[in-house]
Amino acid sequence: MRRGGWWYPVRKGERGDGGTSKMEASRGAALLTLVVWVLCTPALSTEGKRKLQIGVKKRVDNCPIKSRKGDVLHMHYTGKLEDGTEFDSSLTRDQPFVFSLGTGQVIKGWDQGLLGMCEGEKRKLVIPSELGYGDRGAPPKIPGGATLIFEVELLKIERRQEL
């Protein structure tokens, strides 16, 4: 027998007149369980995961080029833990950090958070551990699961010529 787009077999002792049978009730319960599971699964899978936060501290008026994957960036930075403990800074060495963006030379939070920057721009990056050093950390200064906070300044972009 067909009701509302679903096919339900009618067995002896079940109602075939539109009333609710045991079989229909169990299908309804199963469907409700499935719907609840589907609705809750995205929330459970993202539980504990935080997103990268990017704050622009200083904008640049004239920006002829913005950083993109493959560019060599010259950066000054200071890295801190959430409690304010500084773990590294290029400023104390008076030497900019130079690396190629988007090639895995730095943590994922930097590869993502420094895209589209202009020379002279300053940003604050709040990087969850999943985009930093993860559960292992970088002992002894960075514990496992640490959220990292970076103040960064892009000093220079070296654009590689396309082949």
N, C-alpha and C. Protein backbone atom coordinates (compact mmCIF):
# COMPACT_ATOMS: atom_id res chain seq x y z
N MET A 1 0.85 -1.17 0.00
CA MET A 1 0.00 0.00 0.00
C MET A 1 0.89 1.23 0.00
N ARG A 2 0.51 2.27 -0.70
CA ARG A 2 1.30 3.48 -0.79
C ARG A 2 0.59 4.61 -0.06
N ARG A 3 1.35 5.29 0.80
CA ARG A 3 0.81 6.44 1.53
C ARG A 3 1.85 7.56 1.50
N GLY A 4 1.49 8.69 1.00
CA GLY A 4 2.35 9.87 1.06
C GLY A 4 3.71 9.69 0.40
N GLY A 5 3.80 8.95 -0.66
CA GLY A 5 5.07 8.82 -1.36
C GLY A 5 5.94 7.68 -0.85
N TRP A 6 5.55 7.00 0.20
CA TRP A 6 6.31 5.87 0.73
C TRP A 6 5.54 4.59 0.48
N TRP A 7 6.22 3.50 0.26
CA TRP A 7 5.58 2.20 0.09
C TRP A 7 5.65 1.46 1.41
N TYR A 8 4.53 1.05 1.91
CA TYR A 8 4.46 0.29 3.15
C TYR A 8 3.75 -1.02 2.88
N PRO A 9 4.39 -2.13 3.15
CA PRO A 9 3.68 -3.40 3.00
C PRO A 9 2.66 -3.53 4.14
N VAL A 10 1.52 -4.07 3.84
CA VAL A 10 0.49 -4.29 4.85
C VAL A 10 0.49 -5.75 5.20
N ARG A 11 0.76 -6.03 6.46
CA ARG A 11 0.79 -7.40 6.94
C ARG A 11 -0.48 -7.71 7.72
N LYS A 12 -0.70 -8.95 7.94
CA LYS A 12 -1.87 -9.37 8.70
C LYS A 12 -1.80 -8.74 10.09
N GLY A 13 -2.87 -8.14 10.52
CA GLY A 13 -2.94 -7.50 11.83
C GLY A 13 -2.58 -6.02 11.78
N GLU A 14 -2.02 -5.55 10.65
CA GLU A 14 -1.72 -4.13 10.53
C GLU A 14 -2.89 -3.43 9.86
N ARG A 15 -2.96 -2.15 10.16
CA ARG A 15 -4.05 -1.38 9.59
C ARG A 15 -3.69 -0.93 8.19
N GLY A 16 -4.60 -1.02 7.29
CA GLY A 16 -4.37 -0.59 5.92
C GLY A 16 -5.28 0.56 5.56
N ASP A 17 -5.90 1.18 6.58
CA ASP A 17 -6.89 2.22 6.31
C ASP A 17 -6.39 3.63 6.63
N GLY A 18 -5.08 3.80 6.71
CA GLY A 18 -4.55 5.14 6.98
C GLY A 18 -4.17 5.34 8.44
N GLY A 19 -4.50 4.41 9.30
CA GLY A 19 -4.11 4.51 10.70
C GLY A 19 -2.62 4.18 10.84
N THR A 20 -2.06 4.48 11.99
CA THR A 20 -0.64 4.23 12.22
C THR A 20 -0.43 2.80 12.64
N SER A 21 0.41 2.10 11.92
CA SER A 21 0.74 0.73 12.27
C SER A 21 2.03 0.72 13.07
N LYS A 22 2.37 -0.44 13.63
CA LYS A 22 3.62 -0.59 14.36
C LYS A 22 4.80 -0.34 13.42
N MET A 23 4.67 -0.82 12.19
CA MET A 23 5.75 -0.67 11.22
C MET A 23 5.96 0.81 10.88
N GLU A 24 4.88 1.55 10.68
CA GLU A 24 5.00 2.97 10.38
C GLU A 24 5.60 3.72 11.56
N ALA A 25 5.23 3.37 12.76
CA ALA A 25 5.76 4.02 13.96
C ALA A 25 7.26 3.78 14.08
N SER A 26 7.70 2.55 13.82
CA SER A 26 9.13 2.26 13.93
C SER A 26 9.91 2.97 12.83
N ARG A 27 9.32 3.07 11.62
CA ARG A 27 9.98 3.83 10.54
C ARG A 27 10.07 5.30 10.91
N GLY A 28 9.03 5.82 11.52
CA GLY A 28 9.04 7.23 11.95
C GLY A 28 10.12 7.47 12.99
N ALA A 29 10.25 6.56 13.93
CA ALA A 29 11.29 6.69 14.95
C ALA A 29 12.68 6.62 14.32
N ALA A 30 12.85 5.71 13.37
CA ALA A 30 14.14 5.58 12.68
C ALA A 30 14.46 6.85 11.89
N LEU A 31 13.45 7.39 11.23
CA LEU A 31 13.65 8.62 10.46
C LEU A 31 14.00 9.79 11.38
N LEU A 32 13.31 9.89 12.50
CA LEU A 32 13.59 10.95 13.46
C LEU A 32 15.02 10.81 13.99
N THR A 33 15.45 9.61 14.29
CA THR A 33 16.81 9.36 14.77
C THR A 33 17.83 9.79 13.72
N LEU A 34 17.57 9.45 12.47
CA LEU A 34 18.46 9.82 11.37
C LEU A 34 18.56 11.35 11.24
N VAL A 35 17.42 12.03 11.30
CA VAL A 35 17.41 13.48 11.17
C VAL A 35 18.20 14.13 12.31
N VAL A 36 18.00 13.67 13.54
CA VAL A 36 18.73 14.21 14.69
C VAL A 36 20.22 13.96 14.52
N TRP A 37 20.62 12.77 14.07
CA TRP A 37 22.02 12.45 13.87
C TRP A 37 22.65 13.36 12.81
N VAL A 38 21.94 13.56 11.69
CA VAL A 38 22.47 14.41 10.61
C VAL A 38 22.63 15.85 11.09
N LEU A 39 21.67 16.34 11.85
CA LEU A 39 21.75 17.71 12.34
C LEU A 39 22.86 17.90 13.37
N CYS A 40 23.12 16.89 14.17
CA CYS A 40 24.14 17.00 15.22
C CYS A 40 25.55 16.70 14.73
N THR A 41 25.71 15.93 13.69
CA THR A 41 27.03 15.53 13.23
C THR A 41 27.94 16.71 12.89
N PRO A 42 27.50 17.73 12.14
CA PRO A 42 28.41 18.84 11.87
C PRO A 42 28.87 19.53 13.15
N ALA A 43 28.00 19.67 14.11
CA ALA A 43 28.38 20.32 15.36
C ALA A 43 29.41 19.48 16.11
N LEU A 44 29.25 18.18 16.11
CA LEU A 44 30.19 17.32 16.81
C LEU A 44 31.54 17.30 16.12
N SER A 45 31.55 17.30 14.79
CA SER A 45 32.82 17.20 14.07
C SER A 45 33.63 18.48 14.16
N THR A 46 33.01 19.62 14.43
CA THR A 46 33.75 20.87 14.55
C THR A 46 33.95 21.27 16.00
N GLU A 47 33.48 20.44 16.92
CA GLU A 47 33.63 20.75 18.33
C GLU A 47 35.11 20.82 18.68
N GLY A 48 35.50 21.88 19.35
CA GLY A 48 36.90 22.03 19.74
C GLY A 48 37.76 22.69 18.69
N LYS A 49 37.30 22.75 17.47
CA LYS A 49 38.09 23.39 16.41
C LYS A 49 37.74 24.87 16.36
N ARG A 50 38.79 25.69 16.34
CA ARG A 50 38.57 27.13 16.24
C ARG A 50 39.13 27.61 14.92
N LYS A 51 38.68 28.76 14.52
CA LYS A 51 39.11 29.30 13.24
C LYS A 51 40.24 30.31 13.44
N LEU A 52 40.99 30.49 12.38
CA LEU A 52 42.02 31.50 12.32
C LEU A 52 41.36 32.87 12.39
N GLN A 53 41.90 33.75 13.23
CA GLN A 53 41.39 35.12 13.32
C GLN A 53 42.45 36.07 12.79
N ILE A 54 42.04 36.94 11.89
CA ILE A 54 42.96 37.89 11.27
C ILE A 54 42.46 39.30 11.55
N GLY A 55 43.29 40.08 12.22
CA GLY A 55 42.95 41.48 12.49
C GLY A 55 43.96 42.39 11.84
N VAL A 56 43.48 43.38 11.11
CA VAL A 56 44.38 44.34 10.46
C VAL A 56 44.66 45.46 11.46
N LYS A 57 45.93 45.62 11.84
CA LYS A 57 46.34 46.63 12.82
C LYS A 57 46.75 47.93 12.14
N LYS A 58 47.29 47.83 10.91
CA LYS A 58 47.70 49.02 10.16
C LYS A 58 47.46 48.75 8.69
N ARG A 59 46.61 49.56 8.10
CA ARG A 59 46.32 49.45 6.66
C ARG A 59 47.30 50.31 5.87
N VAL A 60 47.41 49.99 4.58
CA VAL A 60 48.30 50.73 3.69
C VAL A 60 47.44 51.38 2.60
N ASP A 61 47.65 52.67 2.36
CA ASP A 61 46.86 53.37 1.35
C ASP A 61 47.22 52.94 -0.07
N ASN A 62 48.51 52.93 -0.37
CA ASN A 62 48.96 52.58 -1.71
C ASN A 62 49.47 51.14 -1.69
N CYS A 63 48.75 50.25 -2.35
CA CYS A 63 49.11 48.83 -2.32
C CYS A 63 49.11 48.28 -3.75
N PRO A 64 50.22 48.45 -4.47
CA PRO A 64 50.26 47.98 -5.85
C PRO A 64 50.25 46.46 -5.99
N ILE A 65 50.83 45.73 -5.01
CA ILE A 65 50.76 44.27 -5.06
C ILE A 65 50.42 43.73 -3.67
N LYS A 66 49.66 42.64 -3.67
CA LYS A 66 49.30 41.96 -2.43
C LYS A 66 49.95 40.58 -2.44
N SER A 67 50.30 40.12 -1.26
CA SER A 67 50.98 38.82 -1.14
C SER A 67 50.10 37.70 -1.65
N ARG A 68 50.74 36.75 -2.31
CA ARG A 68 50.03 35.57 -2.81
C ARG A 68 50.97 34.37 -2.71
N LYS A 69 50.39 33.20 -2.92
CA LYS A 69 51.15 31.96 -2.84
C LYS A 69 52.35 32.01 -3.78
N GLY A 70 53.51 31.61 -3.26
CA GLY A 70 54.74 31.60 -4.05
C GLY A 70 55.61 32.82 -3.85
N ASP A 71 55.04 33.91 -3.30
CA ASP A 71 55.84 35.10 -3.03
C ASP A 71 56.82 34.84 -1.90
N VAL A 72 57.99 35.49 -1.97
CA VAL A 72 58.93 35.47 -0.86
C VAL A 72 58.64 36.71 -0.02
N LEU A 73 58.32 36.48 1.26
CA LEU A 73 57.95 37.58 2.15
C LEU A 73 59.06 37.84 3.16
N HIS A 74 59.26 39.11 3.45
CA HIS A 74 60.19 39.55 4.49
C HIS A 74 59.30 40.12 5.60
N MET A 75 59.33 39.47 6.77
CA MET A 75 58.41 39.80 7.85
C MET A 75 59.15 40.10 9.14
N HIS A 76 58.56 41.00 9.92
CA HIS A 76 58.91 41.11 11.34
C HIS A 76 57.72 40.56 12.09
N TYR A 77 57.98 39.89 13.20
CA TYR A 77 56.90 39.29 13.97
C TYR A 77 57.27 39.16 15.43
N THR A 78 56.24 39.06 16.25
CA THR A 78 56.38 38.69 17.66
C THR A 78 55.31 37.65 17.92
N GLY A 79 55.72 36.51 18.49
CA GLY A 79 54.79 35.44 18.81
C GLY A 79 54.61 35.29 20.30
N LYS A 80 53.33 35.19 20.72
CA LYS A 80 53.00 35.04 22.14
C LYS A 80 51.98 33.92 22.33
N LEU A 81 51.97 33.38 23.54
CA LEU A 81 50.93 32.45 23.94
C LEU A 81 49.74 33.26 24.46
N GLU A 82 48.62 32.60 24.69
CA GLU A 82 47.41 33.30 25.15
C GLU A 82 47.61 34.02 26.48
N ASP A 83 48.51 33.51 27.32
CA ASP A 83 48.74 34.16 28.61
C ASP A 83 49.70 35.34 28.51
N GLY A 84 50.14 35.67 27.28
CA GLY A 84 51.01 36.81 27.06
C GLY A 84 52.49 36.48 27.04
N THR A 85 52.85 35.24 27.30
CA THR A 85 54.26 34.83 27.29
C THR A 85 54.80 34.88 25.86
N GLU A 86 55.85 35.68 25.67
CA GLU A 86 56.48 35.77 24.35
C GLU A 86 57.38 34.56 24.14
N PHE A 87 57.23 33.90 22.99
CA PHE A 87 58.08 32.74 22.72
C PHE A 87 59.09 32.99 21.60
N ASP A 88 58.88 34.04 20.79
CA ASP A 88 59.82 34.32 19.71
C ASP A 88 59.53 35.70 19.12
N SER A 89 60.59 36.34 18.60
CA SER A 89 60.42 37.62 17.93
C SER A 89 61.60 37.89 17.01
N SER A 90 61.30 38.31 15.79
CA SER A 90 62.36 38.70 14.86
C SER A 90 62.90 40.08 15.25
N LEU A 91 62.13 40.84 15.99
CA LEU A 91 62.54 42.20 16.37
C LEU A 91 63.74 42.16 17.33
N THR A 92 63.75 41.19 18.24
CA THR A 92 64.88 41.10 19.18
C THR A 92 66.17 40.72 18.46
N ARG A 93 66.07 40.05 17.34
CA ARG A 93 67.25 39.68 16.53
C ARG A 93 67.59 40.77 15.52
N ASP A 94 66.67 41.74 15.36
CA ASP A 94 66.82 42.81 14.37
C ASP A 94 67.09 42.23 12.98
N GLN A 95 66.41 41.12 12.71
CA GLN A 95 66.59 40.43 11.44
C GLN A 95 65.21 39.96 10.95
N PRO A 96 64.72 40.46 9.80
CA PRO A 96 63.44 39.99 9.29
C PRO A 96 63.48 38.49 8.97
N PHE A 97 62.33 37.87 9.09
CA PHE A 97 62.18 36.46 8.75
C PHE A 97 61.77 36.39 7.28
N VAL A 98 62.46 35.59 6.48
CA VAL A 98 62.23 35.51 5.04
C VAL A 98 61.81 34.08 4.70
N PHE A 99 60.71 33.94 3.97
CA PHE A 99 60.20 32.62 3.60
C PHE A 99 59.29 32.74 2.38
N SER A 100 58.97 31.61 1.78
CA SER A 100 58.08 31.55 0.62
C SER A 100 56.66 31.22 1.10
N LEU A 101 55.71 32.06 0.79
CA LEU A 101 54.33 31.91 1.24
C LEU A 101 53.60 30.78 0.51
N GLY A 102 52.86 29.99 1.28
CA GLY A 102 52.02 28.95 0.69
C GLY A 102 52.75 27.70 0.26
N THR A 103 53.95 27.51 0.75
CA THR A 103 54.73 26.34 0.34
C THR A 103 55.03 25.40 1.50
N GLY A 104 54.42 25.64 2.66
CA GLY A 104 54.62 24.78 3.81
C GLY A 104 55.88 25.06 4.60
N GLN A 105 56.55 26.17 4.35
CA GLN A 105 57.76 26.52 5.09
C GLN A 105 57.44 27.05 6.49
N VAL A 106 56.20 27.48 6.68
CA VAL A 106 55.75 28.01 7.96
C VAL A 106 54.48 27.28 8.37
N ILE A 107 53.99 27.56 9.57
CA ILE A 107 52.76 26.92 10.03
C ILE A 107 51.58 27.34 9.15
N LYS A 108 50.56 26.50 9.11
CA LYS A 108 49.40 26.75 8.24
C LYS A 108 48.73 28.08 8.55
N GLY A 109 48.70 28.47 9.81
CA GLY A 109 48.09 29.74 10.19
C GLY A 109 48.76 30.93 9.53
N TRP A 110 50.07 30.83 9.32
CA TRP A 110 50.78 31.90 8.60
C TRP A 110 50.49 31.81 7.10
N ASP A 111 50.57 30.60 6.54
CA ASP A 111 50.31 30.46 5.10
C ASP A 111 48.93 30.99 4.73
N GLN A 112 47.95 30.85 5.62
CA GLN A 112 46.60 31.36 5.36
C GLN A 112 46.45 32.82 5.76
N GLY A 113 47.00 33.19 6.91
CA GLY A 113 46.77 34.51 7.49
C GLY A 113 47.54 35.65 6.85
N LEU A 114 48.55 35.33 6.05
CA LEU A 114 49.36 36.38 5.43
C LEU A 114 49.02 36.61 3.96
N LEU A 115 48.05 35.87 3.44
CA LEU A 115 47.62 36.08 2.06
C LEU A 115 46.94 37.45 1.91
N GLY A 116 47.21 38.10 0.80
CA GLY A 116 46.54 39.38 0.51
C GLY A 116 47.07 40.56 1.29
N MET A 117 48.26 40.44 1.86
CA MET A 117 48.86 41.55 2.61
C MET A 117 49.59 42.50 1.68
N CYS A 118 49.71 43.73 2.13
CA CYS A 118 50.45 44.76 1.42
C CYS A 118 51.75 45.05 2.17
N GLU A 119 52.76 45.50 1.44
CA GLU A 119 53.99 45.93 2.09
C GLU A 119 53.65 47.07 3.05
N GLY A 120 54.17 46.97 4.27
CA GLY A 120 53.90 47.99 5.30
C GLY A 120 52.68 47.68 6.17
N GLU A 121 51.87 46.71 5.77
CA GLU A 121 50.67 46.35 6.55
C GLU A 121 51.07 45.57 7.80
N LYS A 122 50.28 45.77 8.87
CA LYS A 122 50.48 45.02 10.11
C LYS A 122 49.19 44.28 10.43
N ARG A 123 49.34 43.03 10.88
CA ARG A 123 48.20 42.21 11.25
C ARG A 123 48.45 41.53 12.59
N LYS A 124 47.33 41.17 13.21
CA LYS A 124 47.37 40.32 14.39
C LYS A 124 46.69 39.02 14.01
N LEU A 125 47.40 37.91 14.18
CA LEU A 125 46.86 36.58 13.86
C LEU A 125 46.67 35.81 15.16
N VAL A 126 45.47 35.28 15.35
CA VAL A 126 45.20 34.37 16.46
C VAL A 126 45.02 33.00 15.81
N ILE A 127 45.98 32.13 16.07
CA ILE A 127 46.07 30.86 15.35
C ILE A 127 45.75 29.70 16.29
N PRO A 128 44.67 28.96 15.99
CA PRO A 128 44.36 27.79 16.82
C PRO A 128 45.42 26.72 16.63
N SER A 129 45.54 25.84 17.61
CA SER A 129 46.61 24.84 17.58
C SER A 129 46.59 23.98 16.32
N GLU A 130 45.39 23.73 15.76
CA GLU A 130 45.29 22.90 14.55
C GLU A 130 46.03 23.52 13.37
N LEU A 131 46.17 24.85 13.37
CA LEU A 131 46.88 25.55 12.30
C LEU A 131 48.26 26.02 12.74
N GLY A 132 48.65 25.60 13.95
CA GLY A 132 49.96 25.93 14.49
C GLY A 132 50.79 24.68 14.67
N TYR A 133 51.09 24.35 15.92
CA TYR A 133 51.94 23.19 16.20
C TYR A 133 51.17 21.99 16.74
N GLY A 134 49.84 22.08 16.76
CA GLY A 134 48.99 20.95 17.12
C GLY A 134 49.16 20.48 18.55
N ASP A 135 48.81 19.23 18.77
CA ASP A 135 48.85 18.64 20.11
C ASP A 135 50.28 18.42 20.61
N ARG A 136 51.24 18.33 19.70
CA ARG A 136 52.64 18.09 20.11
C ARG A 136 53.32 19.36 20.57
N GLY A 137 52.89 20.52 20.04
CA GLY A 137 53.54 21.77 20.39
C GLY A 137 54.93 21.87 19.79
N ALA A 138 55.73 22.79 20.31
CA ALA A 138 57.13 22.96 19.91
C ALA A 138 57.93 23.22 21.19
N PRO A 139 58.13 22.14 21.97
CA PRO A 139 58.81 22.29 23.26
C PRO A 139 60.20 22.90 23.08
N PRO A 140 60.70 23.61 24.08
CA PRO A 140 60.09 23.82 25.39
C PRO A 140 59.19 25.06 25.48
N LYS A 141 59.20 25.90 24.47
CA LYS A 141 58.49 27.18 24.60
C LYS A 141 57.00 27.12 24.28
N ILE A 142 56.59 26.23 23.36
CA ILE A 142 55.19 26.16 22.94
C ILE A 142 54.59 24.82 23.35
N PRO A 143 53.67 24.85 24.31
CA PRO A 143 53.07 23.59 24.77
C PRO A 143 52.08 23.03 23.74
N GLY A 144 51.79 21.75 23.85
CA GLY A 144 50.81 21.12 22.97
C GLY A 144 49.45 21.76 23.12
N GLY A 145 48.74 21.91 22.00
CA GLY A 145 47.39 22.48 22.00
C GLY A 145 47.35 23.98 22.17
N ALA A 146 48.50 24.64 22.06
CA ALA A 146 48.55 26.09 22.31
C ALA A 146 47.97 26.90 21.15
N THR A 147 47.19 27.91 21.51
CA THR A 147 46.76 28.94 20.57
C THR A 147 47.88 29.96 20.51
N LEU A 148 48.25 30.36 19.30
CA LEU A 148 49.36 31.29 19.11
C LEU A 148 48.84 32.65 18.67
N ILE A 149 49.47 33.70 19.18
CA ILE A 149 49.10 35.07 18.81
C ILE A 149 50.33 35.75 18.23
N PHE A 150 50.20 36.18 16.98
CA PHE A 150 51.32 36.83 16.31
C PHE A 150 50.95 38.25 15.91
N GLU A 151 51.86 39.17 16.18
CA GLU A 151 51.81 40.52 15.62
C GLU A 151 52.81 40.48 14.48
N VAL A 152 52.36 40.72 13.25
CA VAL A 152 53.23 40.61 12.08
C VAL A 152 53.22 41.91 11.28
N GLU A 153 54.34 42.18 10.63
CA GLU A 153 54.46 43.32 9.72
C GLU A 153 55.15 42.85 8.45
N LEU A 154 54.51 43.09 7.32
CA LEU A 154 55.10 42.71 6.03
C LEU A 154 55.99 43.85 5.54
N LEU A 155 57.28 43.58 5.47
CA LEU A 155 58.26 44.58 5.08
C LEU A 155 58.46 44.64 3.57
N LYS A 156 58.48 43.45 2.93
CA LYS A 156 58.81 43.40 1.51
C LYS A 156 58.22 42.14 0.88
N ILE A 157 57.74 42.28 -0.35
CA ILE A 157 57.27 41.15 -1.15
C ILE A 157 58.21 40.99 -2.34
N GLU A 158 58.74 39.79 -2.52
CA GLU A 158 59.51 39.46 -3.73
C GLU A 158 58.61 38.58 -4.58
N ARG A 159 58.17 39.11 -5.68
CA ARG A 159 57.29 38.37 -6.58
C ARG A 159 58.13 37.58 -7.55
N ARG A 160 57.90 36.28 -7.60
CA ARG A 160 58.60 35.42 -8.55
C ARG A 160 57.97 35.58 -9.91
N GLN A 161 58.79 35.69 -10.94
CA GLN A 161 58.27 35.81 -12.29
C GLN A 161 57.64 34.49 -12.73
N GLU A 162 56.50 34.57 -13.37
CA GLU A 162 55.79 33.37 -13.83
C GLU A 162 56.57 32.77 -15.00
N LEU A 163 56.66 31.46 -15.01
CA LEU A 163 57.39 30.76 -16.09
C LEU A 163 56.51 30.52 -17.29
